[in-house]
């Protein structure tokens, strides 16, 4: 049972570890804080190589996750 709880914690924390520089994608796309990144810009950035493309693809992946109301 402890192994399952440990695995769940690792699965839950991978997002925090994946985002090394919060706000870097927004800064590269010249979008002010507090504004949503338009889907067109995000899709275009996701096709680019390098860090910009990696960050955009991760943002697209994370946007598909739903927030749970539970613990």
Protein backbone atom coordinates (compact mmCIF):
# COMPACT_ATOMS: atom_id res chain seq x y z
CA UNK A 1 0.00 0.00 0.00
CA UNK A 2 2.85 2.39 0.73
CA UNK A 3 4.21 1.83 -2.77
CA UNK A 4 0.91 3.01 -4.30
CA UNK A 5 0.86 6.15 -2.15
CA UNK A 6 4.46 6.90 -3.07
CA UNK A 7 3.73 6.43 -6.78
CA UNK A 8 0.72 8.76 -6.51
CA UNK A 9 2.85 11.48 -4.91
CA UNK A 10 5.50 11.18 -7.63
CA UNK A 11 2.81 11.38 -10.32
CA UNK A 12 1.33 14.44 -8.64
CA UNK A 13 4.63 16.32 -8.28
CA UNK A 14 6.06 15.82 -11.78
CA UNK A 15 4.48 19.04 -13.04
CA UNK A 16 6.22 21.19 -10.43
CA UNK A 17 9.54 19.57 -11.33
CA UNK A 18 8.95 19.94 -15.09
CA UNK A 19 8.47 23.70 -14.90
CA UNK A 20 11.94 25.05 -14.19
CA UNK A 21 11.36 28.67 -15.26
CA UNK A 22 7.77 29.78 -14.67
CA UNK A 23 6.74 32.61 -16.99
CA UNK A 24 9.48 31.98 -19.56
CA UNK A 25 7.04 31.00 -22.32
CA UNK A 26 4.90 34.05 -21.64
CA UNK A 27 7.98 36.28 -21.73
CA UNK A 28 9.21 34.81 -25.04
CA UNK A 29 5.77 35.30 -26.61
CA UNK A 30 5.51 38.90 -25.29
CA UNK A 31 2.26 38.29 -23.43
CA UNK A 32 1.74 40.22 -20.19
CA UNK A 33 1.14 38.38 -16.94
CA UNK A 34 -2.51 37.79 -16.18
CA UNK A 35 -3.51 37.47 -19.85
CA UNK A 36 -4.29 34.14 -21.50
CA UNK A 37 -1.94 32.93 -24.22
CA UNK A 38 -3.97 32.80 -27.46
CA UNK A 39 -4.33 29.31 -28.91
CA UNK A 40 -3.01 30.47 -32.30
CA UNK A 41 0.24 31.73 -30.74
CA UNK A 42 0.60 28.63 -28.61
CA UNK A 43 0.08 26.30 -31.59
CA UNK A 44 2.57 28.26 -33.70
CA UNK A 45 5.16 28.21 -30.91
CA UNK A 46 4.66 24.46 -30.38
CA UNK A 47 5.88 23.81 -33.93
CA UNK A 48 9.16 25.66 -33.35
CA UNK A 49 12.37 23.89 -32.32
CA UNK A 50 14.32 24.42 -29.12
CA UNK A 51 13.18 25.61 -25.72
CA UNK A 52 10.34 27.75 -27.06
CA UNK A 53 8.78 24.73 -28.75
CA UNK A 54 9.33 22.52 -25.70
CA UNK A 55 7.68 25.04 -23.40
CA UNK A 56 4.75 25.53 -25.74
CA UNK A 57 4.20 21.78 -26.10
CA UNK A 58 4.28 21.34 -22.33
CA UNK A 59 1.80 24.20 -21.95
CA UNK A 60 -0.54 22.51 -24.42
CA UNK A 61 -0.23 19.24 -22.51
CA UNK A 62 -0.93 20.90 -19.17
CA UNK A 63 -3.89 22.83 -20.57
CA UNK A 64 -5.60 19.50 -21.21
CA UNK A 65 -5.48 18.54 -17.54
CA UNK A 66 -8.51 19.27 -15.45
CA UNK A 67 -8.32 20.57 -11.93
CA UNK A 68 -9.81 18.17 -9.43
CA UNK A 69 -11.93 19.47 -6.61
CA UNK A 70 -10.60 16.80 -4.23
CA UNK A 71 -7.43 16.55 -2.20
